[in-house]
């Protein structure tokens, strides 16, 4: 028997997402690879949305061979729908028999194997060899469940155990049984390579990887690659050093960071950059805040100086964050909301009059704040940045303000990432974006995420850029300047060179 398995697609509610494209590909690929059976090892949905689940079900009807699914932890994220999700994906109880092999789904989505599930597993006829499919492996269930699984595997003829959850390829042994996990089918979360479908030949043990490679630039028409290459720019964290790099390498787009005064050397470098074909100069504005004790807006003087410098340097674009006050503080009509909106619009009015494109950039949540509106920052959802853009346009008149999508902020955005993962950001605002920020997000030893790290590959960090590339290629993302906003390790120049090499096909990753 040949069994095809994928996991971790994290389907959301929007239609035009890399996740939906990858799932549709997997359905077609199951037929093309000649599989006799197929299984999904959990996390079909991003947060247990019924709409997403029904769309996944509809797509899975295209699988022409026996299909088994199991729930994952992401499917159970919404308490109201979790019981339905568990019943929806764990089917049937006795598994399925194909080619003299029984494929059995095991529910580990809650990190445990409860007594009811154990009774069901023990009732399975032991006369046929087994393939187990679950979401969490032995490394992600509680100690008692791990011990039970080890005992079960030693007592039964289990040919292989397929899992998901880790988003990276696994091929190891536990309790004498081969344990396999495919890379996530989600193009935004696949680790160590492209989204994949694994195909196991149970007779020979041969394992075949089939990959969703529509994101790879080497498969694009040259004009699509060229458009992205010509859109790459860098954020000038080390102003003069990075500016000199941009002059030397003819980088078409740059972003200054809160520069309050440009000296003669900086102005000369900017003039040379323009002369050499410099295209878009942006100024990242500073932040305005709310002083609750005094009942007034803070940070105005520095903000005004940064605006003035942007005008003096001939900036084409200005990036601004919505105020990083709490959602509760920023409720529409509150004193803080009205005062901050009025102040920001007034200080940016000279930019609008000069024709400088103002772009509103999404914030990200702070660790530990959760969804509590009394703690969570405003401006962390597509709705909130669209609302703030509209507030600015109402005060400035016309369409002075647009959007900048920061991909790293959208990824480092718990718990909003559960209901609004990257694919949803691409679908909801990608077609409106005037500019982007790209950087890698890393996870420290304490489990805290950090932004603005170098990009060393397309899929070697928490952010896999295959989703972004798919969305660019297909037009889900508007083709606009892509600024590499990398603060750590002075990584913007090296990342710019690396991505250009990948896009040009000069390195094997492309």
Protein backbone atom coordinates (compact mmCIF):
# COMPACT_ATOMS: atom_id res chain seq x y z
CA UNK A 1 0.00 0.00 0.00
CA UNK A 2 1.03 3.57 -0.71
CA UNK A 3 -0.31 6.07 1.81
CA UNK A 4 -0.04 9.85 1.33
CA UNK A 5 -0.01 12.04 4.45
CA UNK A 6 0.05 15.78 5.09
CA UNK A 7 -0.55 17.95 8.15
CA UNK A 8 -0.74 21.48 9.50
CA UNK A 9 -2.48 23.45 6.77
CA UNK A 10 -4.10 26.02 9.17
CA UNK A 11 -6.89 27.04 6.81
CA UNK A 12 -8.56 30.37 7.55
CA UNK A 13 -11.75 31.98 6.32
CA UNK A 14 -10.43 33.90 3.31
CA UNK A 15 -10.43 32.33 -0.14
CA UNK A 16 -7.25 33.64 -1.79
CA UNK A 17 -4.60 32.37 0.62
CA UNK A 18 -1.44 30.28 0.17
CA UNK A 19 -2.98 27.75 2.58
CA UNK A 20 -5.99 27.13 0.37
CA UNK A 21 -3.75 26.85 -2.70
CA UNK A 22 -1.52 24.30 -0.94
CA UNK A 23 -4.50 22.23 0.20
CA UNK A 24 -5.97 22.19 -3.31
CA UNK A 25 -2.55 21.10 -4.61
CA UNK A 26 -2.33 18.29 -2.04
CA UNK A 27 -5.72 16.94 -3.10
CA UNK A 28 -4.58 16.82 -6.73
CA UNK A 29 -1.17 15.40 -5.79
CA UNK A 30 -2.69 12.47 -3.88
CA UNK A 31 -4.18 11.27 -7.15
CA UNK A 32 -1.05 12.01 -9.18
CA UNK A 33 1.26 10.08 -6.85
CA UNK A 34 -0.78 6.87 -7.14
CA UNK A 35 -1.65 6.62 -3.44
CA UNK A 36 -4.01 3.88 -2.28
CA UNK A 37 -5.02 5.82 0.83
CA UNK A 38 -4.50 9.25 2.37
CA UNK A 39 -4.49 10.82 5.82
CA UNK A 40 -4.36 14.29 7.36
CA UNK A 41 -2.46 14.49 10.66
CA UNK A 42 -4.37 17.43 12.17
CA UNK A 43 -4.57 21.21 12.10
CA UNK A 44 -6.73 21.53 9.01
CA UNK A 45 -7.97 24.87 10.35
CA UNK A 46 -6.17 27.77 11.99
CA UNK A 47 -8.56 28.15 14.91
CA UNK A 48 -11.52 25.83 14.50
CA UNK A 49 -13.60 28.15 12.33
CA UNK A 50 -16.68 26.29 11.08
CA UNK A 51 -16.50 28.18 7.80
CA UNK A 52 -12.87 27.13 7.29
CA UNK A 53 -13.71 23.55 8.27
CA UNK A 54 -16.55 23.34 5.75
CA UNK A 55 -14.30 24.71 3.02
CA UNK A 56 -11.63 22.15 3.94
CA UNK A 57 -14.26 19.40 3.81
CA UNK A 58 -15.36 20.58 0.39
CA UNK A 59 -11.80 20.50 -0.95
CA UNK A 60 -11.13 17.08 0.59
CA UNK A 61 -14.09 15.63 -1.30
CA UNK A 62 -11.74 15.72 -4.28
CA UNK A 63 -9.63 12.93 -2.75
CA UNK A 64 -10.52 9.81 -4.73
CA UNK A 65 -8.98 7.25 -2.32
CA UNK A 66 -9.97 6.32 1.25
CA UNK A 67 -9.17 9.30 3.49
CA UNK A 68 -8.68 9.52 7.25
CA UNK A 69 -8.41 12.76 9.26
CA UNK A 70 -7.60 13.53 12.88
CA UNK A 71 -8.00 16.80 14.82
CA UNK A 72 -5.08 19.00 15.83
CA UNK A 73 -4.67 21.52 18.63
CA UNK A 74 -5.35 24.44 16.25
CA UNK A 75 -8.70 22.90 15.33
CA UNK A 76 -9.69 23.09 19.02
CA UNK A 77 -8.66 26.70 19.68
CA UNK A 78 -12.22 28.03 19.72
CA UNK A 79 -13.99 26.56 22.78
CA UNK A 80 -17.44 26.91 21.19
CA UNK A 81 -16.53 24.80 18.16
CA UNK A 82 -13.94 22.44 19.71
CA UNK A 83 -16.35 19.53 20.42
CA UNK A 84 -17.66 19.71 16.86
CA UNK A 85 -14.14 19.83 15.42
CA UNK A 86 -13.09 16.76 17.37
CA UNK A 87 -16.04 14.77 16.05
CA UNK A 88 -15.69 16.21 12.55
CA UNK A 89 -12.08 15.19 11.98
CA UNK A 90 -11.74 11.93 13.94
CA UNK A 91 -13.43 9.49 11.61
CA UNK A 92 -14.20 6.62 11.52
CA UNK A 93 -13.72 4.96 14.91
CA UNK A 94 -12.44 1.67 13.48
CA UNK A 95 -10.13 3.42 11.00
CA UNK A 96 -9.96 2.16 7.45
CA UNK A 97 -8.56 -1.02 5.86
CA UNK A 98 -6.62 -0.71 2.61
CA UNK A 99 -4.44 -3.37 1.01
CA UNK A 100 -4.37 -5.53 4.13
CA UNK A 101 -3.32 -2.61 6.37
CA UNK A 102 -5.50 -0.82 8.91
CA UNK A 103 -5.03 2.96 9.17
CA UNK A 104 -6.14 4.18 12.58
CA UNK A 105 -6.62 7.77 13.73
CA UNK A 106 -5.66 8.59 17.32
CA UNK A 107 -6.85 11.81 18.98
CA UNK A 108 -3.88 13.52 20.67
CA UNK A 109 -5.06 17.06 19.93
CA UNK A 110 -5.34 17.95 23.63
CA UNK A 111 -1.90 16.55 24.43
CA UNK A 112 -3.29 13.41 26.01
CA UNK A 113 -4.95 10.11 25.16
CA UNK A 114 -8.03 9.81 27.33
CA UNK A 115 -9.60 6.60 28.58
CA UNK A 116 -12.29 6.53 25.90
CA UNK A 117 -9.66 6.78 23.20
CA UNK A 118 -7.63 3.98 24.78
CA UNK A 119 -10.66 1.70 24.91
CA UNK A 120 -11.26 2.37 21.21
CA UNK A 121 -7.61 1.60 20.35
CA UNK A 122 -7.61 -1.65 22.32
CA UNK A 123 -10.80 -2.81 20.58
CA UNK A 124 -9.10 -2.73 17.18
CA UNK A 125 -8.55 -6.20 15.69
CA UNK A 126 -4.87 -7.11 16.06
CA UNK A 127 -4.82 -9.42 13.05
CA UNK A 128 -3.87 -6.66 10.58
CA UNK A 129 -0.75 -4.47 10.64
CA UNK A 130 -1.44 -0.89 11.65
CA UNK A 131 -0.53 2.61 10.56
CA UNK A 132 -1.29 5.18 13.26
CA UNK A 133 -2.13 8.80 12.49
CA UNK A 134 -2.29 11.50 15.18
CA UNK A 135 -1.42 15.16 15.52
CA UNK A 136 0.96 15.22 18.50
CA UNK A 137 3.76 12.72 18.74
CA UNK A 138 5.23 11.18 21.88
CA UNK A 139 7.23 14.37 22.52
CA UNK A 140 4.09 16.49 22.88
CA UNK A 141 1.75 14.34 24.99
CA UNK A 142 1.71 13.93 28.76
CA UNK A 143 3.90 11.32 30.45
CA UNK A 144 1.08 8.83 31.08
CA UNK A 145 -0.06 8.98 27.44
CA UNK A 146 3.53 8.59 26.29
CA UNK A 147 3.92 5.46 28.40
CA UNK A 148 0.65 4.06 27.06
CA UNK A 149 1.70 4.74 23.47
CA UNK A 150 5.06 3.03 24.02
CA UNK A 151 3.30 -0.03 25.44
CA UNK A 152 0.74 -0.08 22.60
CA UNK A 153 3.42 0.15 19.93
CA UNK A 154 5.39 -2.71 21.47
CA UNK A 155 2.30 -4.95 21.62
CA UNK A 156 0.96 -4.26 18.13
CA UNK A 157 2.32 -4.64 14.63
CA UNK A 158 2.57 -0.94 13.79
CA UNK A 159 4.28 -0.28 10.47
CA UNK A 160 4.53 3.49 10.97
CA UNK A 161 3.17 6.32 13.07
CA UNK A 162 2.41 9.61 11.26
CA UNK A 163 2.12 12.88 13.20
CA UNK A 164 2.22 16.63 12.57
CA UNK A 165 2.43 19.63 14.89
CA UNK A 166 6.18 20.37 14.67
CA UNK A 167 5.94 21.76 11.10
CA UNK A 168 9.30 20.19 10.19
CA UNK A 169 10.21 16.80 8.73
CA UNK A 170 10.62 14.01 11.30
CA UNK A 171 11.83 10.46 10.59
CA UNK A 172 12.76 8.75 13.82
CA UNK A 173 11.98 5.69 15.96
CA UNK A 174 9.92 5.46 19.16
CA UNK A 175 9.27 2.19 20.98
CA UNK A 176 10.57 0.28 17.97
CA UNK A 177 8.20 2.00 15.53
CA UNK A 178 9.10 4.35 12.72
CA UNK A 179 7.70 7.82 13.45
CA UNK A 180 7.17 10.20 10.54
CA UNK A 181 6.01 13.79 10.25
CA UNK A 182 5.82 15.84 7.05
CA UNK A 183 6.77 19.48 6.89
CA UNK A 184 3.71 21.68 7.40
CA UNK A 185 1.57 22.06 4.31
CA UNK A 186 1.09 25.67 5.43
CA UNK A 187 3.45 27.77 3.25
CA UNK A 188 3.79 30.31 6.07
CA UNK A 189 4.93 27.77 8.67
CA UNK A 190 6.77 24.96 6.88
CA UNK A 191 10.20 24.50 8.44
CA UNK A 192 13.36 23.38 6.72
CA UNK A 193 11.95 23.13 3.23
CA UNK A 194 8.88 23.43 1.06
CA UNK A 195 5.36 22.38 2.15
CA UNK A 196 5.13 18.68 1.56
CA UNK A 197 3.07 15.56 1.13
CA UNK A 198 4.79 12.38 2.32
CA UNK A 199 4.09 9.08 0.56
CA UNK A 200 5.04 5.82 2.29
CA UNK A 201 5.25 2.45 0.57
CA UNK A 202 4.35 0.04 3.38
CA UNK A 203 5.90 -2.94 1.64
CA UNK A 204 9.34 -1.48 0.94
CA UNK A 205 9.44 1.28 3.55
CA UNK A 206 10.39 3.76 0.83
CA UNK A 207 9.45 7.36 1.65
CA UNK A 208 8.72 9.90 -1.07
CA UNK A 209 8.43 13.66 -0.55
CA UNK A 210 6.23 15.64 -2.94
CA UNK A 211 6.44 19.40 -2.51
CA UNK A 212 4.25 22.41 -3.18
CA UNK A 213 6.78 24.50 -5.07
CA UNK A 214 4.68 27.26 -6.66
CA UNK A 215 6.47 29.77 -4.41
CA UNK A 216 9.93 29.04 -5.78
CA UNK A 217 11.11 31.96 -7.92
CA UNK A 218 12.84 29.62 -10.36
CA UNK A 219 9.35 28.54 -11.46
CA UNK A 220 8.15 32.11 -12.05
CA UNK A 221 8.09 34.01 -15.31
CA UNK A 222 11.14 36.27 -15.34
CA UNK A 223 9.04 39.45 -15.22
CA UNK A 224 7.53 38.37 -11.86
CA UNK A 225 10.98 37.72 -10.40
CA UNK A 226 12.30 40.98 -11.78
CA UNK A 227 9.41 42.89 -10.24
CA UNK A 228 10.29 41.54 -6.78
CA UNK A 229 14.03 42.07 -7.23
CA UNK A 230 13.38 45.70 -8.18
CA UNK A 231 11.08 46.10 -5.16
CA UNK A 232 13.68 45.10 -2.53
CA UNK A 233 15.06 47.82 -0.29
CA UNK A 234 16.52 48.20 3.20
CA UNK A 235 15.81 50.07 6.40
CA UNK A 236 18.74 52.26 7.44
CA UNK A 237 19.36 51.25 11.04
CA UNK A 238 23.01 52.32 10.66
CA UNK A 239 22.21 55.47 8.74
CA UNK A 240 25.45 56.41 6.99
CA UNK A 241 26.90 52.91 6.71
CA UNK A 242 23.68 51.48 5.23
CA UNK A 243 23.19 54.54 3.02
CA UNK A 244 26.69 54.11 1.61
CA UNK A 245 25.83 50.45 0.87
CA UNK A 246 22.67 51.55 -0.94
CA UNK A 247 24.65 54.05 -3.03
CA UNK A 248 27.29 51.49 -3.94
CA UNK A 249 24.80 48.72 -4.79
CA UNK A 250 22.11 50.90 -6.34
CA UNK A 251 19.45 49.75 -3.88
CA UNK A 252 16.20 51.21 -5.28
CA UNK A 253 14.28 51.70 -2.01
CA UNK A 254 15.39 52.91 1.43
CA UNK A 255 13.81 53.84 4.72
CA UNK A 256 15.30 56.27 7.22
CA UNK A 257 14.38 55.66 10.82
CA UNK A 258 13.17 58.62 12.82
CA UNK A 259 15.93 60.90 11.59
CA UNK A 260 15.46 64.33 13.20
CA UNK A 261 18.29 66.03 11.34
CA UNK A 262 20.28 65.19 8.22
CA UNK A 263 23.85 66.51 8.17
CA UNK A 264 25.78 67.50 5.07
CA UNK A 265 27.31 64.03 4.59
CA UNK A 266 23.90 62.36 4.75
CA UNK A 267 22.44 64.84 2.27
CA UNK A 268 25.34 64.28 -0.13
CA UNK A 269 24.87 60.51 0.02
CA UNK A 270 21.13 60.90 -0.57
CA UNK A 271 21.80 63.10 -3.60
CA UNK A 272 24.21 60.50 -5.03
CA UNK A 273 21.69 57.73 -4.39
CA UNK A 274 19.00 59.67 -6.26
CA UNK A 275 21.39 60.39 -9.12
CA UNK A 276 22.18 56.66 -9.38
CA UNK A 277 18.51 55.77 -9.79
CA UNK A 278 17.20 55.76 -6.20
CA UNK A 279 13.48 55.28 -6.43
CA UNK A 280 11.62 55.41 -3.09
CA UNK A 281 12.87 57.16 0.04
CA UNK A 282 10.76 56.59 3.12
CA UNK A 283 11.00 58.08 6.59
CA UNK A 284 9.81 55.94 9.51
CA UNK A 285 8.06 58.39 11.81
CA UNK A 286 8.32 58.21 15.57
CA UNK A 287 5.44 57.34 17.88
CA UNK A 288 2.77 59.44 19.50
CA UNK A 289 1.38 58.29 22.82
CA UNK A 290 -1.22 59.22 25.40
CA UNK A 291 -0.18 60.64 28.78
CA UNK A 292 -3.17 59.54 30.85
CA UNK A 293 -2.03 61.42 33.93
CA UNK A 294 -1.83 64.78 32.10
CA UNK A 295 -4.60 63.94 29.62
CA UNK A 296 -2.55 64.95 26.61
CA UNK A 297 -0.62 63.56 23.62
CA UNK A 298 3.08 62.82 24.15
CA UNK A 299 5.99 62.68 21.68
CA UNK A 300 4.79 65.57 19.49
CA UNK A 301 8.05 67.55 19.31
CA UNK A 302 10.17 64.64 18.08
CA UNK A 303 7.43 63.54 15.68
CA UNK A 304 7.34 67.05 14.20
CA UNK A 305 11.13 67.11 13.77
CA UNK A 306 11.07 63.77 11.95
CA UNK A 307 8.34 65.03 9.60
CA UNK A 308 10.38 68.15 8.89
CA UNK A 309 13.48 66.09 8.06
CA UNK A 310 11.44 63.84 5.78
CA UNK A 311 10.37 66.89 3.79
CA UNK A 312 13.87 68.38 3.72
CA UNK A 313 15.31 65.09 2.41
CA UNK A 314 12.69 64.73 -0.31
CA UNK A 315 11.02 61.63 1.11
CA UNK A 316 8.44 59.92 -1.12
CA UNK A 317 6.82 57.96 1.68
CA UNK A 318 6.36 58.13 5.45
CA UNK A 319 5.59 55.15 7.69
CA UNK A 320 3.56 55.59 10.86
CA UNK A 321 2.27 53.18 13.49
CA UNK A 322 -1.15 53.55 15.08
CA UNK A 323 -0.62 54.65 18.69
CA UNK A 324 0.55 51.71 20.80
CA UNK A 325 -2.08 52.35 23.45
CA UNK A 326 -4.47 49.64 24.60
CA UNK A 327 -7.54 48.72 22.62
CA UNK A 328 -9.61 49.94 25.55
CA UNK A 329 -7.86 53.32 25.60
CA UNK A 330 -8.30 53.63 21.82
CA UNK A 331 -12.04 52.95 21.73
CA UNK A 332 -13.70 55.17 19.15
CA UNK A 333 -14.84 58.46 20.65
CA UNK A 334 -12.62 58.19 23.73
CA UNK A 335 -10.60 61.28 24.70
CA UNK A 336 -7.35 59.46 23.84
CA UNK A 337 -8.59 58.26 20.44
CA UNK A 338 -9.83 61.68 19.37
CA UNK A 339 -6.80 63.58 20.67
CA UNK A 340 -4.27 61.16 19.14
CA UNK A 341 -6.06 61.07 15.79
CA UNK A 342 -6.28 64.85 15.67
CA UNK A 343 -2.63 65.33 16.68
CA UNK A 344 -1.21 62.75 14.28
CA UNK A 345 -3.21 64.08 11.35
CA UNK A 346 -2.22 67.67 12.10
CA UNK A 347 1.49 66.83 12.34
CA UNK A 348 1.38 64.81 9.11
CA UNK A 349 -0.56 67.44 7.17
CA UNK A 350 2.64 68.98 5.68
CA UNK A 351 3.51 65.53 4.30
CA UNK A 352 0.11 65.14 2.69
CA UNK A 353 0.31 68.61 1.16
CA UNK A 354 3.73 67.79 -0.29
CA UNK A 355 2.39 64.60 -1.91
CA UNK A 356 4.32 62.27 0.40
CA UNK A 357 2.53 58.91 0.60
CA UNK A 358 1.74 58.15 4.26
CA UNK A 359 1.46 54.43 5.08
CA UNK A 360 -0.02 53.01 8.28
CA UNK A 361 1.89 49.97 9.58
CA UNK A 362 0.43 47.19 11.74
CA UNK A 363 1.60 46.87 15.33
CA UNK A 364 2.17 43.54 17.05
CA UNK A 365 1.03 42.36 20.45
CA UNK A 366 3.27 42.40 23.50
CA UNK A 367 4.05 39.14 25.28
CA UNK A 368 1.59 38.26 28.02
CA UNK A 369 -1.17 40.68 27.07
CA UNK A 370 -3.38 38.12 25.37
CA UNK A 371 -6.65 39.32 23.89
CA UNK A 372 -7.57 41.46 26.91
CA UNK A 373 -8.57 44.90 25.51
CA UNK A 374 -7.30 46.53 28.69
CA UNK A 375 -3.81 45.17 27.94
CA UNK A 376 -3.53 44.46 24.20
CA UNK A 377 -2.10 47.10 21.87
CA UNK A 378 -4.34 48.76 19.34
CA UNK A 379 -3.43 48.34 15.66
CA UNK A 380 -2.70 44.60 15.66
CA UNK A 381 -5.53 43.43 13.38
CA UNK A 382 -6.37 44.21 9.75
CA UNK A 383 -9.59 45.88 10.89
CA UNK A 384 -7.76 48.20 13.31
CA UNK A 385 -5.10 49.42 10.87
CA UNK A 386 -7.75 49.92 8.19
CA UNK A 387 -9.80 51.89 10.71
CA UNK A 388 -6.81 54.07 11.66
CA UNK A 389 -5.95 54.68 8.01
CA UNK A 390 -9.53 55.79 7.43
CA UNK A 391 -9.41 58.11 10.46
CA UNK A 392 -6.29 59.76 9.06
CA UNK A 393 -7.84 60.13 5.62
CA UNK A 394 -10.98 61.68 7.07
CA UNK A 395 -8.89 64.33 8.78
CA UNK A 396 -6.38 64.88 5.98
CA UNK A 397 -8.87 64.64 3.14
CA UNK A 398 -8.70 62.46 0.06
CA UNK A 399 -6.53 59.35 0.01
CA UNK A 400 -3.29 60.60 1.59
CA UNK A 401 -2.82 57.48 3.73
CA UNK A 402 -2.33 53.89 2.64
CA UNK A 403 -0.98 50.75 4.29
CA UNK A 404 2.33 49.07 5.04
CA UNK A 405 2.12 45.38 5.91
CA UNK A 406 4.81 44.22 8.33
CA UNK A 407 4.99 40.45 7.88
CA UNK A 408 7.07 39.81 11.01
CA UNK A 409 4.64 41.82 13.16
CA UNK A 410 1.71 39.83 11.77
CA UNK A 411 3.53 36.59 12.71
CA UNK A 412 4.64 37.72 16.18
CA UNK A 413 1.11 38.62 17.16
CA UNK A 414 -0.31 36.07 19.61
CA UNK A 415 -3.12 35.30 20.18
CA UNK A 416 -4.38 37.14 17.07
CA UNK A 417 -2.27 34.81 14.91
CA UNK A 418 -4.72 32.04 15.80
CA UNK A 419 -7.67 33.65 14.01
CA UNK A 420 -5.62 35.83 11.66
CA UNK A 421 -2.45 34.04 10.51
CA UNK A 422 -0.25 35.45 7.77
CA UNK A 423 -2.35 34.08 4.93
CA UNK A 424 -5.33 36.05 6.21
CA UNK A 425 -3.29 39.27 6.28
CA UNK A 426 -2.24 38.67 2.69
CA UNK A 427 -5.82 38.05 1.59
CA UNK A 428 -7.40 40.89 3.55
CA UNK A 429 -4.99 43.77 2.98
CA UNK A 430 -2.26 42.54 0.63
CA UNK A 431 -4.07 43.95 -2.38
CA UNK A 432 -4.13 47.40 -0.74
CA UNK A 433 -0.55 47.55 0.53
CA UNK A 434 1.64 50.43 -0.61
CA UNK A 435 4.71 48.86 0.98
CA UNK A 436 5.95 45.94 3.10
CA UNK A 437 8.40 45.22 5.89
CA UNK A 438 10.16 41.85 5.88
CA UNK A 439 12.30 40.38 8.64
CA UNK A 440 12.70 37.07 10.43
CA UNK A 441 11.17 36.35 13.83
CA UNK A 442 13.03 34.16 16.31
CA UNK A 443 12.04 32.29 19.46
CA UNK A 444 14.29 32.56 22.51
CA UNK A 445 14.91 29.93 25.20
CA UNK A 446 12.05 31.33 27.30
CA UNK A 447 9.59 31.00 24.43
CA UNK A 448 9.43 34.73 23.66
CA UNK A 449 9.43 35.93 20.05
CA UNK A 450 11.72 38.69 18.78
CA UNK A 451 11.46 40.61 15.51
CA UNK A 452 13.86 42.21 13.03
CA UNK A 453 16.36 39.40 12.55
CA UNK A 454 18.18 38.65 9.25
CA UNK A 455 16.59 36.41 6.64
CA UNK A 456 19.08 33.68 5.80
CA UNK A 457 16.76 31.41 3.83
CA UNK A 458 13.19 31.09 2.66
CA UNK A 459 12.09 28.58 5.30
CA UNK A 460 14.66 28.41 8.11
CA UNK A 461 12.85 30.42 10.80
CA UNK A 462 9.46 30.98 12.42
CA UNK A 463 8.40 32.86 9.30
CA UNK A 464 8.46 30.79 6.15
CA UNK A 465 8.44 33.18 3.20
CA UNK A 466 6.91 30.69 0.77
CA UNK A 467 3.48 32.11 1.56
CA UNK A 468 4.63 35.67 0.84
CA UNK A 469 6.26 34.59 -2.41
CA UNK A 470 3.16 32.67 -3.52
CA UNK A 471 1.00 35.71 -2.76
CA UNK A 472 3.37 37.99 -4.70
CA UNK A 473 3.46 35.70 -7.71
CA UNK A 474 -0.33 35.29 -7.86
CA UNK A 475 -1.13 38.98 -7.36
CA UNK A 476 -2.73 38.54 -3.95
CA UNK A 477 -0.06 41.01 -2.81
CA UNK A 478 0.12 44.35 -4.57
CA UNK A 479 3.57 44.83 -6.09
CA UNK A 480 5.01 47.57 -3.87
CA UNK A 481 8.40 48.32 -2.21
CA UNK A 482 9.58 45.55 0.12
CA UNK A 483 11.80 47.01 2.83
CA UNK A 484 14.07 44.62 4.75
CA UNK A 485 13.61 45.99 8.26
CA UNK A 486 16.44 44.20 10.03
CA UNK A 487 17.86 45.61 13.23
CA UNK A 488 19.85 42.67 14.58
CA UNK A 489 23.38 41.75 13.48
CA UNK A 490 23.46 44.59 10.95
CA UNK A 491 21.70 42.10 8.71
CA UNK A 492 19.87 44.27 6.16
CA UNK A 493 22.69 44.48 3.58
CA UNK A 494 23.48 40.75 3.77
CA UNK A 495 19.79 39.84 3.57
CA UNK A 496 19.31 42.11 0.54
CA UNK A 497 22.22 40.41 -1.25
CA UNK A 498 21.00 36.95 -0.23
CA UNK A 499 17.43 37.47 -1.45
CA UNK A 500 18.61 38.96 -4.74
CA UNK A 501 20.81 35.89 -5.27
CA UNK A 502 17.88 33.56 -4.54
CA UNK A 503 15.54 35.47 -6.82
CA UNK A 504 18.13 35.58 -9.60
CA UNK A 505 18.60 31.83 -9.37
CA UNK A 506 22.23 32.22 -8.30
CA UNK A 507 21.69 29.91 -5.30
CA UNK A 508 20.01 26.53 -5.14
CA UNK A 509 17.20 27.71 -2.86
CA UNK A 510 15.61 29.44 -5.82
